[in-house]
Amino acid sequence: MYSELFEKALSFVLPIEGGYVNDPDDKGCATNKGITQSTYNNWLKSKGMTVKDVKNITVAEVKEIYYKNYWLAAKCDKMTEKFAIVCFDTAVNMGVGQVTEFLKAAKWSNTEAFYLARIRKYNEFARNKTQAKYLHGWLNRVYALMDFVNKI
């Protein structure tokens, strides 16, 4: 059902997103495998299902949400392999809207400029005291993404 490229991008995102977290300082609130409770609630409602705790999200649900709400929404299916993976990870971590902003900064073709725009945005986020503690992890994520994409 899903493309090989989506599966490859997902193989980077899922391990880095990890399992259930409910950090009061995290603006995403409760998340599991990178899916916020709010995103999960909206997805369940769109399917006519009752809301349940994101702790109980299944791998199949995670894949469908990531595919529809992030991969397709960020238009990763229309990108080169490297940009698709980079943009998908960005959409998951920062929101689909940031992808367009960073693509513009990268003039739609320069992955290094895209990474730099993302790093600058993380530094901007870290000016907020409650978010500063995440900066090291955010930067490590970008470096891991660069390594992953460079091996393709």
N, C-alpha and C. Protein backbone atom coordinates (compact mmCIF):
# COMPACT_ATOMS: atom_id res chain seq x y z
N MET A 1 0.82 -1.20 0.00
CA MET A 1 0.00 0.00 0.00
C MET A 1 0.86 1.27 0.00
N TYR A 2 1.92 1.29 0.81
CA TYR A 2 2.78 2.46 0.90
C TYR A 2 4.01 2.28 0.00
N SER A 3 4.52 3.39 -0.50
CA SER A 3 5.69 3.32 -1.38
C SER A 3 6.93 2.92 -0.59
N GLU A 4 7.89 2.40 -1.32
CA GLU A 4 9.17 2.03 -0.73
C GLU A 4 9.85 3.26 -0.12
N LEU A 5 9.72 4.40 -0.78
CA LEU A 5 10.34 5.63 -0.28
C LEU A 5 9.69 6.07 1.03
N PHE A 6 8.37 6.00 1.12
CA PHE A 6 7.70 6.33 2.38
C PHE A 6 8.19 5.41 3.49
N GLU A 7 8.27 4.13 3.20
CA GLU A 7 8.74 3.15 4.20
C GLU A 7 10.17 3.48 4.65
N LYS A 8 11.00 3.90 3.71
CA LYS A 8 12.39 4.26 4.04
C LYS A 8 12.40 5.49 4.95
N ALA A 9 11.61 6.49 4.62
CA ALA A 9 11.52 7.70 5.45
C ALA A 9 10.99 7.36 6.83
N LEU A 10 10.02 6.50 6.88
CA LEU A 10 9.43 6.07 8.15
C LEU A 10 10.45 5.32 9.00
N SER A 11 11.35 4.59 8.34
CA SER A 11 12.38 3.85 9.08
C SER A 11 13.34 4.79 9.80
N PHE A 12 13.43 6.03 9.35
CA PHE A 12 14.22 7.03 10.07
C PHE A 12 13.38 7.66 11.19
N VAL A 13 12.17 8.04 10.87
CA VAL A 13 11.32 8.81 11.79
C VAL A 13 10.89 8.01 13.02
N LEU A 14 10.41 6.80 12.83
CA LEU A 14 9.84 6.05 13.97
C LEU A 14 10.82 5.83 15.12
N PRO A 15 12.04 5.36 14.87
CA PRO A 15 12.95 5.16 16.00
C PRO A 15 13.32 6.47 16.71
N ILE A 16 13.43 7.53 15.95
CA ILE A 16 13.83 8.81 16.56
C ILE A 16 12.68 9.43 17.35
N GLU A 17 11.44 9.16 16.94
CA GLU A 17 10.28 9.66 17.67
C GLU A 17 10.06 8.89 18.96
N GLY A 18 10.36 7.60 18.95
CA GLY A 18 10.25 6.80 20.17
C GLY A 18 8.82 6.50 20.56
N GLY A 19 8.65 6.19 21.83
CA GLY A 19 7.35 5.77 22.34
C GLY A 19 6.57 6.88 23.01
N TYR A 20 5.82 6.51 24.01
CA TYR A 20 4.91 7.44 24.68
C TYR A 20 5.69 8.43 25.55
N VAL A 21 5.32 9.71 25.43
CA VAL A 21 5.91 10.78 26.23
C VAL A 21 4.81 11.78 26.55
N ASN A 22 4.83 12.28 27.77
CA ASN A 22 3.89 13.34 28.15
C ASN A 22 4.64 14.36 29.00
N ASP A 23 5.53 15.10 28.35
CA ASP A 23 6.34 16.12 29.00
C ASP A 23 5.51 17.41 29.06
N PRO A 24 5.28 17.96 30.24
CA PRO A 24 4.46 19.17 30.34
C PRO A 24 5.03 20.38 29.59
N ASP A 25 6.34 20.38 29.32
CA ASP A 25 6.96 21.48 28.58
C ASP A 25 6.87 21.30 27.06
N ASP A 26 6.54 20.10 26.62
CA ASP A 26 6.45 19.82 25.19
C ASP A 26 5.15 20.39 24.65
N LYS A 27 5.27 21.27 23.66
CA LYS A 27 4.07 21.92 23.12
C LYS A 27 3.12 20.94 22.44
N GLY A 28 3.64 19.75 22.08
CA GLY A 28 2.79 18.73 21.48
C GLY A 28 1.98 17.95 22.51
N CYS A 29 2.26 18.15 23.79
CA CYS A 29 1.60 17.43 24.89
C CYS A 29 1.88 15.94 24.77
N ALA A 30 0.92 15.12 25.14
CA ALA A 30 1.10 13.66 25.09
C ALA A 30 1.29 13.20 23.66
N THR A 31 2.35 12.40 23.43
CA THR A 31 2.61 11.86 22.10
C THR A 31 3.02 10.40 22.22
N ASN A 32 2.79 9.66 21.16
CA ASN A 32 3.26 8.29 21.07
C ASN A 32 3.70 8.05 19.64
N LYS A 33 4.95 7.62 19.48
CA LYS A 33 5.53 7.41 18.15
C LYS A 33 5.46 8.69 17.32
N GLY A 34 5.48 9.82 18.02
CA GLY A 34 5.45 11.12 17.35
C GLY A 34 4.07 11.66 17.03
N ILE A 35 3.04 10.90 17.32
CA ILE A 35 1.67 11.35 17.06
C ILE A 35 1.11 11.97 18.34
N THR A 36 0.67 13.22 18.24
CA THR A 36 0.11 13.89 19.42
C THR A 36 -1.30 13.38 19.70
N GLN A 37 -1.71 13.57 20.94
CA GLN A 37 -3.07 13.17 21.32
C GLN A 37 -4.09 13.90 20.45
N SER A 38 -3.85 15.18 20.21
CA SER A 38 -4.77 15.99 19.41
C SER A 38 -4.87 15.45 17.97
N THR A 39 -3.74 15.14 17.37
CA THR A 39 -3.73 14.59 16.01
C THR A 39 -4.48 13.25 15.98
N TYR A 40 -4.23 12.43 16.98
CA TYR A 40 -4.89 11.13 17.05
C TYR A 40 -6.40 11.29 17.22
N ASN A 41 -6.80 12.20 18.11
CA ASN A 41 -8.23 12.46 18.31
C ASN A 41 -8.90 12.86 16.99
N ASN A 42 -8.29 13.79 16.28
CA ASN A 42 -8.86 14.26 15.01
C ASN A 42 -8.94 13.14 13.99
N TRP A 43 -7.92 12.30 13.93
CA TRP A 43 -7.91 11.20 12.98
C TRP A 43 -9.02 10.20 13.33
N LEU A 44 -9.13 9.86 14.63
CA LEU A 44 -10.18 8.92 15.05
C LEU A 44 -11.56 9.47 14.72
N LYS A 45 -11.79 10.74 15.01
CA LYS A 45 -13.09 11.36 14.72
C LYS A 45 -13.39 11.35 13.23
N SER A 46 -12.36 11.58 12.40
CA SER A 46 -12.56 11.58 10.94
C SER A 46 -12.95 10.20 10.43
N LYS A 47 -12.65 9.18 11.20
CA LYS A 47 -12.99 7.80 10.85
C LYS A 47 -14.30 7.36 11.51
N GLY A 48 -14.93 8.29 12.27
CA GLY A 48 -16.17 7.96 12.97
C GLY A 48 -15.95 7.07 14.18
N MET A 49 -14.73 7.11 14.70
CA MET A 49 -14.37 6.28 15.86
C MET A 49 -14.34 7.12 17.12
N THR A 50 -14.47 6.47 18.26
CA THR A 50 -14.41 7.19 19.53
C THR A 50 -12.95 7.47 19.88
N VAL A 51 -12.76 8.57 20.57
CA VAL A 51 -11.43 9.00 20.99
C VAL A 51 -10.90 8.02 22.03
N LYS A 52 -9.61 7.73 21.92
CA LYS A 52 -8.94 6.90 22.92
C LYS A 52 -7.55 7.45 23.17
N ASP A 53 -6.93 6.98 24.22
CA ASP A 53 -5.61 7.47 24.62
C ASP A 53 -4.57 7.14 23.56
N VAL A 54 -3.73 8.11 23.25
CA VAL A 54 -2.68 7.93 22.25
C VAL A 54 -1.69 6.83 22.69
N LYS A 55 -1.67 6.49 23.95
CA LYS A 55 -0.83 5.38 24.41
C LYS A 55 -1.20 4.10 23.67
N ASN A 56 -2.45 3.99 23.23
CA ASN A 56 -2.95 2.77 22.62
C ASN A 56 -2.93 2.79 21.09
N ILE A 57 -2.28 3.76 20.49
CA ILE A 57 -2.23 3.85 19.03
C ILE A 57 -1.50 2.62 18.47
N THR A 58 -1.99 2.12 17.35
CA THR A 58 -1.37 0.96 16.72
C THR A 58 -0.37 1.41 15.65
N VAL A 59 0.51 0.51 15.27
CA VAL A 59 1.49 0.81 14.21
C VAL A 59 0.76 1.12 12.90
N ALA A 60 -0.30 0.39 12.61
CA ALA A 60 -1.07 0.64 11.38
C ALA A 60 -1.67 2.04 11.39
N GLU A 61 -2.18 2.47 12.54
CA GLU A 61 -2.74 3.82 12.65
C GLU A 61 -1.64 4.87 12.49
N VAL A 62 -0.51 4.64 13.11
CA VAL A 62 0.62 5.56 13.00
C VAL A 62 1.01 5.73 11.53
N LYS A 63 1.15 4.62 10.82
CA LYS A 63 1.54 4.68 9.41
C LYS A 63 0.52 5.46 8.58
N GLU A 64 -0.75 5.19 8.80
CA GLU A 64 -1.78 5.89 8.02
C GLU A 64 -1.78 7.39 8.32
N ILE A 65 -1.65 7.74 9.58
CA ILE A 65 -1.61 9.17 9.96
C ILE A 65 -0.39 9.84 9.35
N TYR A 66 0.76 9.20 9.50
CA TYR A 66 1.98 9.78 8.92
C TYR A 66 1.86 9.92 7.40
N TYR A 67 1.30 8.92 6.76
CA TYR A 67 1.18 8.97 5.31
C TYR A 67 0.25 10.09 4.84
N LYS A 68 -0.93 10.15 5.42
CA LYS A 68 -1.92 11.14 4.97
C LYS A 68 -1.64 12.55 5.49
N ASN A 69 -1.34 12.65 6.78
CA ASN A 69 -1.22 13.97 7.40
C ASN A 69 0.14 14.63 7.23
N TYR A 70 1.16 13.85 6.88
CA TYR A 70 2.51 14.41 6.79
C TYR A 70 3.15 14.15 5.42
N TRP A 71 3.22 12.89 5.01
CA TRP A 71 3.87 12.56 3.73
C TRP A 71 3.13 13.22 2.56
N LEU A 72 1.85 12.95 2.44
CA LEU A 72 1.08 13.54 1.34
C LEU A 72 0.86 15.04 1.53
N ALA A 73 0.57 15.45 2.76
CA ALA A 73 0.32 16.87 3.02
C ALA A 73 1.53 17.74 2.71
N ALA A 74 2.73 17.21 2.93
CA ALA A 74 3.96 17.96 2.62
C ALA A 74 4.41 17.74 1.18
N LYS A 75 3.63 16.94 0.43
CA LYS A 75 3.92 16.66 -0.98
C LYS A 75 5.23 15.89 -1.18
N CYS A 76 5.59 15.09 -0.20
CA CYS A 76 6.82 14.29 -0.28
C CYS A 76 6.76 13.29 -1.42
N ASP A 77 5.57 12.88 -1.79
CA ASP A 77 5.39 11.92 -2.89
C ASP A 77 5.78 12.50 -4.24
N LYS A 78 6.00 13.82 -4.29
CA LYS A 78 6.34 14.48 -5.55
C LYS A 78 7.79 14.98 -5.55
N MET A 79 8.57 14.58 -4.56
CA MET A 79 9.93 15.09 -4.39
C MET A 79 10.98 14.05 -4.75
N THR A 80 12.20 14.53 -4.90
CA THR A 80 13.33 13.62 -5.06
C THR A 80 13.46 12.82 -3.76
N GLU A 81 14.16 11.71 -3.84
CA GLU A 81 14.29 10.82 -2.69
C GLU A 81 14.83 11.54 -1.44
N LYS A 82 15.92 12.26 -1.60
CA LYS A 82 16.53 12.93 -0.44
C LYS A 82 15.61 14.00 0.14
N PHE A 83 15.06 14.84 -0.72
CA PHE A 83 14.18 15.89 -0.22
C PHE A 83 12.92 15.30 0.41
N ALA A 84 12.41 14.21 -0.13
CA ALA A 84 11.22 13.59 0.44
C ALA A 84 11.47 13.16 1.88
N ILE A 85 12.60 12.54 2.13
CA ILE A 85 12.92 12.08 3.49
C ILE A 85 13.15 13.26 4.41
N VAL A 86 13.90 14.24 3.95
CA VAL A 86 14.18 15.43 4.76
C VAL A 86 12.88 16.18 5.08
N CYS A 87 12.04 16.36 4.09
CA CYS A 87 10.80 17.11 4.29
C CYS A 87 9.80 16.33 5.15
N PHE A 88 9.76 15.03 4.99
CA PHE A 88 8.87 14.21 5.83
C PHE A 88 9.28 14.33 7.30
N ASP A 89 10.56 14.17 7.58
CA ASP A 89 11.02 14.28 8.97
C ASP A 89 10.72 15.67 9.53
N THR A 90 10.90 16.68 8.72
CA THR A 90 10.62 18.05 9.16
C THR A 90 9.13 18.23 9.45
N ALA A 91 8.29 17.71 8.58
CA ALA A 91 6.84 17.82 8.77
C ALA A 91 6.42 17.14 10.07
N VAL A 92 6.98 15.97 10.33
CA VAL A 92 6.65 15.24 11.56
C VAL A 92 7.12 16.01 12.78
N ASN A 93 8.31 16.53 12.74
CA ASN A 93 8.90 17.17 13.91
C ASN A 93 8.45 18.60 14.12
N MET A 94 8.16 19.32 13.03
CA MET A 94 7.91 20.75 13.16
C MET A 94 6.59 21.21 12.53
N GLY A 95 5.94 20.33 11.82
CA GLY A 95 4.69 20.69 11.16
C GLY A 95 4.87 20.88 9.66
N VAL A 96 3.84 20.59 8.92
CA VAL A 96 3.87 20.67 7.46
C VAL A 96 4.17 22.09 6.99
N GLY A 97 3.66 23.08 7.69
CA GLY A 97 3.87 24.48 7.30
C GLY A 97 5.34 24.87 7.26
N GLN A 98 6.13 24.31 8.14
CA GLN A 98 7.56 24.64 8.17
C GLN A 98 8.27 24.12 6.93
N VAL A 99 7.78 23.04 6.37
CA VAL A 99 8.42 22.46 5.19
C VAL A 99 8.46 23.49 4.06
N THR A 100 7.36 24.13 3.79
CA THR A 100 7.30 25.12 2.71
C THR A 100 8.26 26.28 2.99
N GLU A 101 8.28 26.74 4.24
CA GLU A 101 9.18 27.84 4.62
C GLU A 101 10.64 27.45 4.35
N PHE A 102 11.01 26.24 4.73
CA PHE A 102 12.40 25.80 4.55
C PHE A 102 12.72 25.52 3.08
N LEU A 103 11.75 25.03 2.32
CA LEU A 103 11.97 24.81 0.89
C LEU A 103 12.23 26.14 0.19
N LYS A 104 11.51 27.17 0.59
CA LYS A 104 11.74 28.50 0.02
C LYS A 104 13.15 28.97 0.35
N ALA A 105 13.57 28.79 1.61
CA ALA A 105 14.92 29.19 2.03
C ALA A 105 15.98 28.42 1.25
N ALA A 106 15.65 27.19 0.89
CA ALA A 106 16.58 26.33 0.15
C ALA A 106 16.45 26.50 -1.37
N LYS A 107 15.63 27.45 -1.78
CA LYS A 107 15.37 27.69 -3.20
C LYS A 107 14.94 26.39 -3.90
N TRP A 108 14.22 25.57 -3.16
CA TRP A 108 13.60 24.34 -3.64
C TRP A 108 14.59 23.28 -4.11
N SER A 109 15.91 23.50 -3.88
CA SER A 109 16.86 22.52 -4.42
C SER A 109 18.10 22.26 -3.59
N ASN A 110 18.34 23.03 -2.55
CA ASN A 110 19.59 22.93 -1.80
C ASN A 110 19.32 22.34 -0.41
N THR A 111 19.65 21.07 -0.23
CA THR A 111 19.37 20.43 1.06
C THR A 111 20.17 21.07 2.20
N GLU A 112 21.38 21.52 1.91
CA GLU A 112 22.20 22.15 2.97
C GLU A 112 21.53 23.42 3.48
N ALA A 113 20.98 24.22 2.58
CA ALA A 113 20.27 25.43 2.98
C ALA A 113 19.01 25.07 3.76
N PHE A 114 18.36 23.97 3.39
CA PHE A 114 17.17 23.49 4.11
C PHE A 114 17.55 23.15 5.56
N TYR A 115 18.62 22.37 5.71
CA TYR A 115 19.09 22.01 7.07
C TYR A 115 19.41 23.26 7.88
N LEU A 116 20.09 24.20 7.26
CA LEU A 116 20.47 25.42 7.96
C LEU A 116 19.23 26.20 8.41
N ALA A 117 18.23 26.30 7.55
CA ALA A 117 16.98 26.99 7.93
C ALA A 117 16.32 26.28 9.11
N ARG A 118 16.36 24.96 9.09
CA ARG A 118 15.77 24.18 10.19
C ARG A 118 16.53 24.42 11.50
N ILE A 119 17.84 24.42 11.42
CA ILE A 119 18.68 24.67 12.61
C ILE A 119 18.42 26.06 13.16
N ARG A 120 18.30 27.03 12.27
CA ARG A 120 18.00 28.41 12.72
C ARG A 120 16.66 28.47 13.44
N LYS A 121 15.67 27.75 12.92
CA LYS A 121 14.34 27.74 13.54
C LYS A 121 14.41 27.09 14.92
N TYR A 122 15.17 26.02 15.06
CA TYR A 122 15.34 25.39 16.38
C TYR A 122 15.97 26.36 17.37
N ASN A 123 16.96 27.11 16.90
CA ASN A 123 17.59 28.09 17.78
C ASN A 123 16.61 29.18 18.18
N GLU A 124 15.74 29.55 17.26
CA GLU A 124 14.68 30.52 17.56
C GLU A 124 13.74 29.95 18.63
N PHE A 125 13.33 28.70 18.47
CA PHE A 125 12.46 28.05 19.46
C PHE A 125 13.13 28.01 20.83
N ALA A 126 14.45 27.78 20.83
CA ALA A 126 15.18 27.61 22.09
C ALA A 126 15.33 28.91 22.87
N ARG A 127 14.97 30.02 22.28
CA ARG A 127 14.98 31.29 23.03
C ARG A 127 13.92 31.28 24.13
N ASN A 128 12.91 30.45 23.96
CA ASN A 128 11.89 30.25 24.98
C ASN A 128 12.48 29.30 26.04
N LYS A 129 12.51 29.74 27.29
CA LYS A 129 13.14 28.96 28.37
C LYS A 129 12.66 27.53 28.44
N THR A 130 11.37 27.32 28.28
CA THR A 130 10.84 25.95 28.41
C THR A 130 11.24 25.06 27.25
N GLN A 131 11.62 25.66 26.14
CA GLN A 131 11.99 24.88 24.96
C GLN A 131 13.50 24.68 24.81
N ALA A 132 14.29 25.47 25.51
CA ALA A 132 15.74 25.42 25.38
C ALA A 132 16.31 24.04 25.68
N LYS A 133 15.67 23.32 26.59
CA LYS A 133 16.18 22.00 26.96
C LYS A 133 16.12 20.98 25.81
N TYR A 134 15.36 21.28 24.79
CA TYR A 134 15.22 20.37 23.65
C TYR A 134 16.24 20.62 22.54
N LEU A 135 16.96 21.74 22.59
CA LEU A 135 17.83 22.15 21.49
C LEU A 135 18.84 21.07 21.12
N HIS A 136 19.51 20.52 22.10
CA HIS A 136 20.54 19.50 21.83
C HIS A 136 19.94 18.31 21.07
N GLY A 137 18.79 17.85 21.51
CA GLY A 137 18.12 16.73 20.84
C GLY A 137 17.67 17.09 19.44
N TRP A 138 17.14 18.30 19.26
CA TRP A 138 16.72 18.74 17.93
C TRP A 138 17.90 18.76 16.96
N LEU A 139 19.02 19.32 17.44
CA LEU A 139 20.20 19.39 16.57
C LEU A 139 20.73 18.00 16.25
N ASN A 140 20.75 17.13 17.25
CA ASN A 140 21.18 15.75 17.00
C ASN A 140 20.29 15.07 15.96
N ARG A 141 19.02 15.40 15.99
CA ARG A 141 18.09 14.83 15.01
C ARG A 141 18.46 15.27 13.60
N VAL A 142 18.77 16.54 13.43
CA VAL A 142 19.17 17.04 12.10
C VAL A 142 20.46 16.36 11.65
N TYR A 143 21.43 16.22 12.54
CA TYR A 143 22.69 15.58 12.17
C TYR A 143 22.47 14.11 11.81
N ALA A 144 21.61 13.43 12.55
CA ALA A 144 21.28 12.03 12.23
C ALA A 144 20.57 11.95 10.88
N LEU A 145 19.69 12.90 10.61
CA LEU A 145 18.98 12.95 9.33
C LEU A 145 19.97 13.16 8.19
N MET A 146 20.91 14.07 8.38
CA MET A 146 21.93 14.32 7.35
C MET A 146 22.71 13.04 7.05
N ASP A 147 23.11 12.33 8.10
CA ASP A 147 23.84 11.07 7.91
C ASP A 147 22.98 10.05 7.18
N PHE A 148 21.73 9.92 7.58
CA PHE A 148 20.82 8.97 6.96
C PHE A 148 20.65 9.26 5.47
N VAL A 149 20.40 10.50 5.14
CA VAL A 149 20.16 10.90 3.75
C VAL A 149 21.43 10.79 2.92
N ASN A 150 22.58 11.10 3.50
CA ASN A 150 23.83 11.04 2.76
C ASN A 150 24.23 9.60 2.40
N LYS A 151 23.66 8.63 3.08
CA LYS A 151 23.96 7.22 2.78
C LYS A 151 23.09 6.68 1.65
N ILE A 152 22.16 7.48 1.19
CA ILE A 152 21.26 7.05 0.10
C ILE A 152 21.96 7.19 -1.24
